[in-house]
Each structure stands twice: as C-alpha cells, then as structure tokens.
Amino acid sequence: MNLASHYVCDDCHTQVPLRTPALLCEACGGLLEIEYDLAAADPAGIVEQAAKRRDLGLWRWSALLPDAEPLHLGEGDTPLMRTRRLGRHVGLPNLLVKNDTLMPTGSFKDRGFSVAVGFARSIGVRQAFTYSSGNAGASFAAYAARAGIEATILVEDVANESKISAISLTGARVLRLRYRSSLEIFAGVSALSEAGFYCFVNFINPVRHEGMKTYAYEICEALDWRAPDVMVHPVGTGGGLYGAWKGFRELHRLGLIDRLPRMVGVQPAASAPLVKAFNEGKKVAGRHGDANLTVAQSIAGDAPIQGGSRVLKAVYESGGRVVAVDDDDLFEAMRLLGEEGVSAEPSAAASTAALLRARAQGWVSERDTVVSVVTGGALKQPSALARAARPPQGTVRADPAELLRIFREGIG
C-alpha cells in the first residue's frame, strides 16, 4: 500500500509526476509538495502494518511516504520520554521529550535524509549536493554513501571541526562556504538546482520534510492515538516543524486523531527572522539578525528559505507561535536536559529553553501535554558542551584510605 500521488506547486498549483527528479516548480519557481490519496486509505490497515514492521523504523509508515525501497540505518522510533525534574521545574507535569539525539548520525536530520535519499536513489539520482551548518551534511553524507550517490556538501564556514570531520569520514566531497547572508546561500543553491544539479536543501527538495512527518506518527502512536496539545521544535529552515505539522494533519484527515496540536518554533534571539515576522503578523520573513552572535549554530540564519512561508503557515494554521531564546537560556536548558539523561547541543536544547518562560508568557498551561523535540546530541558541539557542563568537584588520589574517607564524609 502506498498513497503518494504527485507533486503540486504551492503557488500556481501545477501538478508534476512523482517519479521525476523535480525540485522547484518549472512553471513559476514555487515550492513543490507531495500529495497523497488519503481518501483511498485504510487507516486501521496503516496502523496495523506499522505495528508489525517495527524493524523498519520510520519506514514502517511507508504507506504515507514516497514509494521507494527503504534506505535504513536505524532511524526512527526514538524515545518519547516523560520528564521528571524538568517538568516540575517549568510547571508542566505532562511534559515529554522526543529524543532524536539517538538517530544514526546523532540528529533528527536522519528522518528527512533517509526518505529523501532513498527516494532519489529509486528514481535514478546518482550525484547530488546540499548545504549545511553541519548536522544535515553529516546525515546526507551517511545516507548518500549507503545509497551509492556521489555527495557534495557545502558547509558553512562557521561549522565546527567535529561536524566537518563527521561529513568527511564518509568520503563525501566537502567545500567550505563563505557568505555574508543566508540569502547568498539560497541564491547559489537555487542557481545550481536550476542548472540541473540535484539538491537536497530543505523545501527546494520536496521530499526531505516527508521524513519529518514520522514525528507525528510516532508521537501519536505512543500517546494511544492522541495528539499532544503543543509540539515545540527548534527552527532553522523549519523542515522538522513543517513536516511534523503535515504529519499531524494527515493523521487528522485519516480520523486517527481527533484534534491537532499547536506548533511552536524556536529561534536564537540574535538571529530570529521568523520570530520578527510572526510578531508583526507577516506571512513571509525578511532578513533579520546576525547568525554569528549565537552559540546555536545549527539553527542560526538571518533569513529563511522562501521567506519561511511554509513554517509561518504551519504556525498560524495550528494556533502556535515562534519564540526566541537567548544563549543563557540554551545553556540552562542543556543542563536541565542533562539531569534527565539527555545530552543536547545548544540548538537542540532550544525547544526546552523556550519552555523555561512559556508558563509566564501564557502560551502553555499546566494541563497541556507538551512534546519538546531534542534534535541533536551534545557531542556535535564539544566547546558548547564544555561551557554548559559543571566542572568536576575536585581531584582525589587513587588511594583506598583517601577514597574511603571522602565517601564516608560525604560528597557534594
């Protein structure tokens, strides 16, 4: 069973055959979206099939994904953890953490690249590129290597060496990308795409966010087919938030859930064009902020792709919002997540950082079931981890008598 039907353009509504390496709409340059024949679906059958195929991870939801042979490295079905200290700390007893740091390459990007690269392989793509601040590059490189696709990654010159090394380890070609604004990146990426080079950049590639839909499927399944009241997600280009929103809407149309969550995006205060647009009631965001002034490298950018129109649409449709957090909030959130056993890089802790002020700002209530997505592991950014972590409490000789004395006197 597969319900994927065709692409349709957001702007001019032109339909495009699905089994083609389409990127932007050739008629008007708009973003393409995959449509599904949900009217022909058997909702109970989809759920039953998914439950029986857990060994396939997110590919067990293949009925609601583009038709392709699964490209599987172990992605999907990450824990949805009920918090203890953190929920009490922020005044949300029903706070859950979706821990995507446990993906194969250590970030949520594996959802999108597993599906997008698998689909690209099935339609004959053999060479492709993307740009990245690090996590997307590592994920793309890994899945491209698995698929036998020759990968080129344009890595932002601010990316840390650990992320660049993770990309290079796969044998992918890596080029450092210098730029003054995110707008320059998007112009270059669009030019390459229009020239016929297959692109995996969020939204320009119409498949990547399809993998992100599986957030919604996994979360609602874990909640006995209920949607949370609120889902909070860090936002760079916004593929994770938008993809999840598409997934929730599909489940609602299928009758598997009876309501939709409010979608909340989070950006660093130093570089928050979507927050500015939302606060001004705009549907499109312009250039704003300075991406060099925040530790949140993975979600820092002074302008979103296509003005962030899809992300803002998801936020407005769901009754959600986009909020900003500063670096001090991010470091505190990293420590609080650490006390829950979750190790997060600064950008990944942004969703938790937003909740530190959410109750006071009034956009969540004590009764809400809230899912906070943690998108990437702390080892992605070792220098930030060292800054957030508390130092050791002292040094002790490996001497039995001294160790016994210290433990008997008490530690801490």
Protein backbone atom coordinates (compact mmCIF):
# COMPACT_ATOMS: atom_id res chain seq x y z
CA MET A 1 0.00 0.00 0.00
CA ASN A 2 1.37 3.40 -0.99
CA LEU A 3 -0.76 6.54 -1.23
CA ALA A 4 1.74 9.03 -2.71
CA SER A 5 0.24 10.51 -5.85
CA HIS A 6 2.02 13.54 -7.39
CA TYR A 7 3.71 16.86 -6.71
CA VAL A 8 1.72 20.08 -6.64
CA CYS A 9 3.09 23.64 -6.57
CA ASP A 10 2.29 25.78 -3.53
CA ASP A 11 1.81 28.88 -5.70
CA CYS A 12 0.43 28.05 -9.14
CA HIS A 13 -0.94 24.58 -8.26
CA THR A 14 0.71 22.94 -11.26
CA GLN A 15 0.82 19.14 -10.87
CA VAL A 16 4.04 17.26 -11.60
CA PRO A 17 4.53 13.46 -11.93
CA LEU A 18 6.04 12.00 -8.79
CA ARG A 19 8.64 9.68 -10.34
CA THR A 20 10.78 12.55 -11.62
CA PRO A 21 13.77 14.38 -10.07
CA ALA A 22 11.68 17.54 -9.63
CA LEU A 23 12.81 20.35 -7.37
CA LEU A 24 11.21 23.80 -7.73
CA CYS A 25 8.15 24.27 -9.94
CA GLU A 26 9.28 24.82 -13.54
CA ALA A 27 6.21 26.95 -14.25
CA CYS A 28 6.65 29.57 -11.54
CA GLY A 29 9.59 28.65 -9.27
CA GLY A 30 7.33 27.78 -6.34
CA LEU A 31 7.84 25.01 -3.80
CA LEU A 32 6.52 21.56 -4.65
CA GLU A 33 4.56 19.39 -2.22
CA ILE A 34 3.76 15.68 -2.41
CA GLU A 35 0.05 14.90 -2.39
CA TYR A 36 -1.40 11.63 -1.02
CA ASP A 37 -4.67 9.92 -1.89
CA LEU A 38 -5.88 9.74 1.69
CA ALA A 39 -9.45 9.10 0.56
CA ALA A 40 -8.30 5.67 -0.62
CA ALA A 41 -6.55 4.88 2.66
CA ASP A 42 -7.34 2.15 5.14
CA PRO A 43 -6.40 3.88 8.42
CA ALA A 44 -6.65 0.72 10.52
CA GLY A 45 -4.55 -1.13 7.96
CA ILE A 46 -1.86 1.56 8.04
CA VAL A 47 -1.64 1.34 11.83
CA GLU A 48 -1.62 -2.46 11.80
CA GLN A 49 1.09 -2.59 9.13
CA ALA A 50 3.23 -0.09 11.02
CA ALA A 51 2.89 -2.04 14.27
CA LYS A 52 4.04 -5.26 12.59
CA ARG A 53 7.13 -3.71 10.91
CA ARG A 54 8.97 -2.08 13.77
CA ASP A 55 12.26 -3.43 12.49
CA LEU A 56 11.99 -0.89 9.64
CA GLY A 57 11.94 2.14 11.94
CA LEU A 58 10.31 5.12 10.29
CA TRP A 59 9.91 3.17 7.04
CA ARG A 60 7.15 1.14 8.69
CA TRP A 61 4.98 4.13 7.74
CA SER A 62 5.72 3.59 4.04
CA ALA A 63 2.05 3.91 3.07
CA LEU A 64 2.33 7.62 3.88
CA LEU A 65 5.80 8.17 2.40
CA PRO A 66 7.02 8.44 -1.21
CA ASP A 67 7.26 4.99 -2.78
CA ALA A 68 10.86 3.76 -2.51
CA GLU A 69 12.86 0.82 -1.26
CA PRO A 70 13.73 1.63 2.39
CA LEU A 71 17.16 3.14 2.94
CA HIS A 72 17.62 2.19 6.56
CA LEU A 73 20.43 2.90 9.04
CA GLY A 74 18.29 2.51 12.15
CA GLU A 75 16.42 5.82 12.10
CA GLY A 76 13.05 6.39 13.73
CA ASP A 77 11.18 5.25 16.85
CA THR A 78 13.27 7.42 19.17
CA PRO A 79 12.12 7.61 22.80
CA LEU A 80 9.24 9.82 23.87
CA MET A 81 10.26 10.34 27.48
CA ARG A 82 8.10 11.66 30.30
CA THR A 83 10.21 14.17 32.22
CA ARG A 84 10.65 14.29 35.96
CA ARG A 85 12.74 17.21 37.24
CA LEU A 86 12.32 19.25 34.07
CA GLY A 87 8.53 19.09 34.06
CA ARG A 88 8.40 20.21 37.68
CA HIS A 89 10.94 22.95 37.03
CA VAL A 90 8.90 24.56 34.24
CA GLY A 91 5.49 23.83 35.76
CA LEU A 92 4.40 21.30 33.13
CA PRO A 93 3.61 17.91 34.69
CA ASN A 94 2.75 16.49 31.25
CA LEU A 95 6.00 17.46 29.54
CA LEU A 96 7.55 14.85 27.27
CA VAL A 97 10.88 14.91 25.42
CA LYS A 98 11.24 13.39 21.96
CA ASN A 99 14.89 12.39 21.97
CA ASP A 100 16.16 12.46 18.39
CA THR A 101 19.77 12.66 19.52
CA LEU A 102 19.66 8.85 19.27
CA MET A 103 19.41 8.82 15.48
CA PRO A 104 22.19 7.07 13.48
CA THR A 105 24.20 10.25 12.84
CA GLY A 106 23.13 11.88 16.10
CA SER A 107 20.47 14.27 14.83
CA PHE A 108 16.87 14.50 13.62
CA LYS A 109 18.15 15.19 10.10
CA ASP A 110 18.26 11.41 9.56
CA ARG A 111 14.45 11.34 9.30
CA GLY A 112 14.48 13.54 6.23
CA PHE A 113 17.57 12.16 4.54
CA SER A 114 16.59 8.53 4.95
CA VAL A 115 13.40 9.18 2.98
CA ALA A 116 14.74 11.77 0.53
CA VAL A 117 17.92 9.89 -0.40
CA GLY A 118 16.03 6.60 -0.59
CA PHE A 119 13.52 8.17 -2.96
CA ALA A 120 16.27 9.85 -5.02
CA ARG A 121 18.04 6.53 -5.45
CA SER A 122 14.79 4.92 -6.64
CA ILE A 123 14.38 7.50 -9.45
CA GLY A 124 17.97 7.20 -10.62
CA VAL A 125 19.77 10.13 -8.96
CA ARG A 126 23.49 9.36 -8.75
CA GLN A 127 25.04 12.75 -7.91
CA ALA A 128 23.66 15.39 -5.56
CA PHE A 129 24.52 18.19 -3.15
CA THR A 130 23.28 20.07 -0.14
CA TYR A 131 24.45 22.90 2.10
CA SER A 132 24.67 22.59 5.85
CA SER A 133 25.81 24.06 9.13
CA GLY A 134 26.96 20.52 9.97
CA ASN A 135 24.21 18.13 11.04
CA ALA A 136 22.44 17.97 7.69
CA GLY A 137 25.76 17.46 5.95
CA ALA A 138 26.70 14.53 8.18
CA SER A 139 23.31 12.92 7.67
CA PHE A 140 23.24 13.44 3.91
CA ALA A 141 26.80 12.13 3.57
CA ALA A 142 25.98 8.96 5.50
CA TYR A 143 22.80 8.13 3.59
CA ALA A 144 24.34 9.05 0.24
CA ALA A 145 27.25 6.71 0.97
CA ARG A 146 24.79 3.95 1.82
CA ALA A 147 22.83 4.62 -1.38
CA GLY A 148 25.85 4.87 -3.68
CA ILE A 149 25.15 8.52 -4.51
CA GLU A 150 28.11 10.84 -5.02
CA ALA A 151 27.66 13.61 -2.46
CA THR A 152 28.94 17.17 -2.31
CA ILE A 153 28.33 19.21 0.83
CA LEU A 154 28.71 22.97 1.02
CA VAL A 155 29.47 23.50 4.72
CA GLU A 156 29.00 26.90 6.32
CA ASP A 157 32.40 28.27 7.28
CA VAL A 158 31.26 28.68 10.91
CA ALA A 159 30.70 24.93 11.27
CA ASN A 160 32.88 23.33 13.94
CA GLU A 161 35.59 20.85 13.04
CA SER A 162 33.81 17.91 14.68
CA LYS A 163 30.86 18.24 12.32
CA ILE A 164 33.08 18.72 9.28
CA SER A 165 35.09 15.62 10.20
CA ALA A 166 31.91 13.57 10.54
CA ILE A 167 30.97 14.56 7.00
CA SER A 168 34.41 13.88 5.54
CA LEU A 169 34.59 10.47 7.20
CA THR A 170 32.04 9.14 4.70
CA GLY A 171 34.16 10.06 1.68
CA ALA A 172 31.87 12.90 0.60
CA ARG A 173 33.31 15.98 -1.09
CA VAL A 174 33.27 18.91 1.35
CA LEU A 175 33.59 22.56 0.40
CA ARG A 176 33.64 25.37 2.96
CA LEU A 177 31.08 28.02 2.10
CA ARG A 178 31.79 31.69 2.74
CA TYR A 179 28.90 34.13 2.71
CA ARG A 180 27.62 37.37 4.20
CA SER A 181 23.94 36.43 4.46
CA SER A 182 21.81 33.32 4.23
CA LEU A 183 20.24 34.95 1.19
CA GLU A 184 23.52 34.42 -0.69
CA ILE A 185 23.42 30.72 0.16
CA PHE A 186 19.86 30.33 -1.13
CA ALA A 187 20.68 32.20 -4.34
CA GLY A 188 23.64 29.89 -5.00
CA VAL A 189 21.68 26.76 -4.16
CA SER A 190 18.81 27.82 -6.41
CA ALA A 191 21.21 28.53 -9.30
CA LEU A 192 22.73 25.06 -9.00
CA SER A 193 19.29 23.46 -8.84
CA GLU A 194 18.05 25.36 -11.90
CA ALA A 195 21.19 24.26 -13.76
CA GLY A 196 20.22 20.62 -13.22
CA PHE A 197 22.26 19.64 -10.15
CA TYR A 198 20.05 17.58 -7.83
CA CYS A 199 19.64 19.36 -4.49
CA PHE A 200 18.77 18.12 -1.01
CA VAL A 201 18.24 21.51 0.67
CA ASN A 202 15.03 21.65 2.73
CA PHE A 203 11.94 22.67 0.73
CA ILE A 204 13.89 23.14 -2.51
CA ASN A 205 13.97 19.37 -2.28
CA PRO A 206 10.28 18.44 -1.94
CA VAL A 207 10.90 15.11 -0.21
CA ARG A 208 13.07 15.83 2.83
CA HIS A 209 10.28 17.07 5.08
CA GLU A 210 8.24 13.95 4.24
CA GLY A 211 10.56 12.03 6.55
CA MET A 212 9.85 14.56 9.29
CA LYS A 213 6.16 13.60 9.20
CA THR A 214 7.10 10.46 11.09
CA TYR A 215 7.46 12.60 14.23
CA ALA A 216 3.69 12.93 14.24
CA TYR A 217 3.08 9.24 13.60
CA GLU A 218 5.45 8.10 16.36
CA ILE A 219 4.23 10.63 18.90
CA CYS A 220 0.52 9.97 18.38
CA GLU A 221 1.04 6.20 18.40
CA ALA A 222 2.92 6.48 21.72
CA LEU A 223 0.07 8.59 23.14
CA ASP A 224 -2.55 5.95 22.19
CA TRP A 225 -3.59 7.92 19.13
CA ARG A 226 -3.96 11.26 20.79
CA ALA A 227 -2.17 14.38 19.62
CA PRO A 228 -0.26 16.49 22.16
CA ASP A 229 -1.61 19.95 22.89
CA VAL A 230 1.70 21.56 21.94
CA MET A 231 4.77 20.47 19.99
CA VAL A 232 7.91 22.62 20.34
CA HIS A 233 10.72 22.34 17.78
CA PRO A 234 13.93 24.28 17.06
CA VAL A 235 13.74 26.06 13.71
CA GLY A 236 16.47 26.78 11.19
CA THR A 237 14.98 26.20 7.75
CA GLY A 238 11.97 24.68 9.53
CA GLY A 239 11.66 21.33 7.80
CA GLY A 240 11.16 19.50 11.09
CA LEU A 241 8.30 21.67 12.30
CA TYR A 242 6.58 21.88 8.92
CA GLY A 243 6.96 18.17 8.24
CA ALA A 244 5.54 17.26 11.64
CA TRP A 245 2.58 19.57 11.04
CA LYS A 246 1.90 17.86 7.72
CA GLY A 247 2.00 14.50 9.51
CA PHE A 248 -0.45 15.60 12.20
CA ARG A 249 -2.84 16.93 9.54
CA GLU A 250 -2.69 13.63 7.66
CA LEU A 251 -3.50 11.67 10.81
CA HIS A 252 -6.42 14.02 11.48
CA ARG A 253 -7.76 13.60 7.93
CA LEU A 254 -7.47 9.83 8.33
CA GLY A 255 -9.51 10.00 11.55
CA LEU A 256 -6.70 8.55 13.65
CA ILE A 257 -6.55 11.64 15.91
CA ASP A 258 -9.43 13.95 16.82
CA ARG A 259 -7.54 17.25 17.15
CA LEU A 260 -4.35 19.00 16.11
CA PRO A 261 -1.50 20.38 18.25
CA ARG A 262 -0.26 23.93 18.40
CA MET A 263 3.13 24.11 16.67
CA VAL A 264 5.81 26.24 18.33
CA GLY A 265 9.07 27.08 16.58
CA VAL A 266 12.15 28.36 18.42
CA GLN A 267 14.98 30.52 17.12
CA PRO A 268 18.01 32.16 18.80
CA ALA A 269 17.27 35.76 19.77
CA ALA A 270 20.35 37.03 17.91
CA SER A 271 19.09 35.58 14.65
CA ALA A 272 15.31 35.26 14.60
CA PRO A 273 13.74 36.42 11.31
CA LEU A 274 10.72 34.15 11.73
CA VAL A 275 10.06 35.49 15.23
CA LYS A 276 10.09 39.03 13.89
CA ALA A 277 7.71 38.13 11.07
CA PHE A 278 5.35 36.32 13.44
CA ASN A 279 5.30 39.18 15.93
CA GLU A 280 4.41 41.53 13.07
CA GLY A 281 1.70 39.22 11.71
CA LYS A 282 3.52 38.69 8.40
CA LYS A 283 3.30 35.60 6.20
CA VAL A 284 6.85 35.96 4.88
CA ALA A 285 10.05 36.75 6.79
CA GLY A 286 12.84 39.01 5.58
CA ARG A 287 16.48 39.24 6.55
CA HIS A 288 17.00 39.95 10.24
CA GLY A 289 19.67 39.43 12.92
CA ASP A 290 23.23 38.17 12.92
CA ALA A 291 23.86 34.42 12.89
CA ASN A 292 27.38 34.93 14.22
CA LEU A 293 26.12 36.20 17.58
CA THR A 294 24.67 32.96 18.96
CA VAL A 295 26.04 29.63 20.10
CA ALA A 296 23.08 27.91 18.39
CA GLN A 297 24.95 27.20 15.17
CA SER A 298 22.52 24.62 13.79
CA ILE A 299 19.53 26.97 13.73
CA ALA A 300 21.29 30.30 13.16
CA GLY A 301 20.47 32.15 9.96
CA ASP A 302 19.50 35.71 9.13
CA ALA A 303 16.89 34.68 6.54
CA PRO A 304 14.79 31.54 5.91
CA ILE A 305 14.28 29.73 2.60
CA GLN A 306 11.42 31.24 0.55
CA GLY A 307 10.81 33.68 3.39
CA GLY A 308 9.85 30.85 5.74
CA SER A 309 6.35 30.89 4.26
CA ARG A 310 5.67 27.22 4.96
CA VAL A 311 6.83 27.40 8.56
CA LEU A 312 4.79 30.52 9.27
CA LYS A 313 1.77 28.93 7.61
CA ALA A 314 2.04 25.89 9.89
CA VAL A 315 2.34 28.13 12.94
CA TYR A 316 -0.66 30.28 12.00
CA GLU A 317 -2.85 27.34 10.98
CA SER A 318 -2.15 25.50 14.22
CA GLY A 319 -2.64 28.47 16.52
CA GLY A 320 1.02 28.23 17.55
CA ARG A 321 3.85 30.72 17.60
CA VAL A 322 7.55 31.31 17.00
CA VAL A 323 9.60 32.36 20.02
CA ALA A 324 13.16 33.50 20.66
CA VAL A 325 15.63 32.30 23.29
CA ASP A 326 19.00 33.74 24.28
CA ASP A 327 22.22 31.83 24.79
CA ASP A 328 21.97 31.82 28.58
CA ASP A 329 18.61 30.05 28.25
CA LEU A 330 20.21 27.50 25.94
CA PHE A 331 22.99 26.64 28.38
CA GLU A 332 20.50 26.31 31.24
CA ALA A 333 18.33 24.06 29.08
CA MET A 334 21.34 21.88 28.25
CA ARG A 335 21.99 21.38 31.97
CA LEU A 336 18.33 20.64 32.73
CA LEU A 337 18.15 18.10 29.92
CA GLY A 338 21.36 16.56 31.21
CA GLU A 339 19.64 15.95 34.54
CA GLU A 340 17.01 13.97 32.59
CA GLY A 341 19.76 11.88 30.97
CA VAL A 342 19.51 13.67 27.60
CA SER A 343 22.68 15.16 26.13
CA ALA A 344 21.86 18.02 23.73
CA GLU A 345 23.77 20.55 21.66
CA PRO A 346 22.66 24.20 22.14
CA SER A 347 20.35 24.32 19.11
CA ALA A 348 18.72 21.06 20.15
CA ALA A 349 18.05 22.46 23.62
CA ALA A 350 16.19 25.44 22.13
CA SER A 351 12.79 23.79 22.46
CA THR A 352 13.42 23.20 26.16
CA ALA A 353 14.80 26.72 26.59
CA ALA A 354 11.56 28.12 25.22
CA LEU A 355 9.60 26.28 27.89
CA LEU A 356 11.58 27.96 30.68
CA ARG A 357 9.47 31.07 30.06
CA ALA A 358 6.40 29.55 28.47
CA ARG A 359 4.20 29.45 31.57
CA ALA A 360 4.93 33.08 32.40
CA GLN A 361 4.23 34.11 28.80
CA GLY A 362 0.96 32.20 28.84
CA TRP A 363 1.22 30.11 25.68
CA VAL A 364 1.09 26.80 27.57
CA SER A 365 -0.97 25.80 30.58
CA GLU A 366 -0.36 23.34 33.38
CA ARG A 367 -2.94 20.99 31.83
CA ASP A 368 -1.26 20.83 28.42
CA THR A 369 0.51 17.74 27.14
CA VAL A 370 3.66 19.23 25.61
CA VAL A 371 6.22 17.46 23.41
CA SER A 372 9.63 19.13 23.30
CA VAL A 373 11.84 17.83 20.50
CA VAL A 374 15.58 17.49 21.13
CA THR A 375 17.19 17.42 17.72
CA GLY A 376 20.95 16.77 18.10
CA GLY A 377 23.48 15.40 20.59
CA ALA A 378 25.87 17.46 22.71
CA LEU A 379 28.98 15.95 21.12
CA LYS A 380 28.01 17.75 17.93
CA GLN A 381 29.40 20.90 19.54
CA PRO A 382 32.07 19.95 22.12
CA SER A 383 33.08 23.51 23.04
CA ALA A 384 29.50 24.41 23.97
CA LEU A 385 29.17 21.19 25.97
CA ALA A 386 32.26 22.10 27.96
CA ARG A 387 30.84 25.56 28.63
CA ALA A 388 27.45 24.27 29.78
CA ALA A 389 28.70 21.42 31.97
CA ARG A 390 29.52 21.84 35.63
CA PRO A 391 33.21 21.27 36.43
CA PRO A 392 34.42 18.27 38.47
CA GLN A 393 34.12 18.67 42.25
CA GLY A 394 37.77 18.05 42.91
CA THR A 395 40.74 15.72 42.46
CA VAL A 396 41.49 12.69 44.58
CA ARG A 397 44.37 10.20 44.68
CA ALA A 398 43.63 6.59 43.77
CA ASP A 399 44.33 5.57 47.37
CA PRO A 400 41.85 3.27 49.19
CA ALA A 401 42.13 5.09 52.51
CA GLU A 402 41.61 8.52 50.97
CA LEU A 403 38.70 7.33 48.84
CA LEU A 404 37.01 5.73 51.86
CA ARG A 405 37.48 8.92 53.90
CA ILE A 406 35.99 11.15 51.23
CA PHE A 407 32.98 8.90 50.60
CA ARG A 408 32.31 8.49 54.35
CA GLU A 409 32.49 12.23 54.94
CA GLY A 410 30.10 12.78 52.06
CA ILE A 411 30.49 14.03 48.52
CA GLY A 412 28.92 17.18 47.16
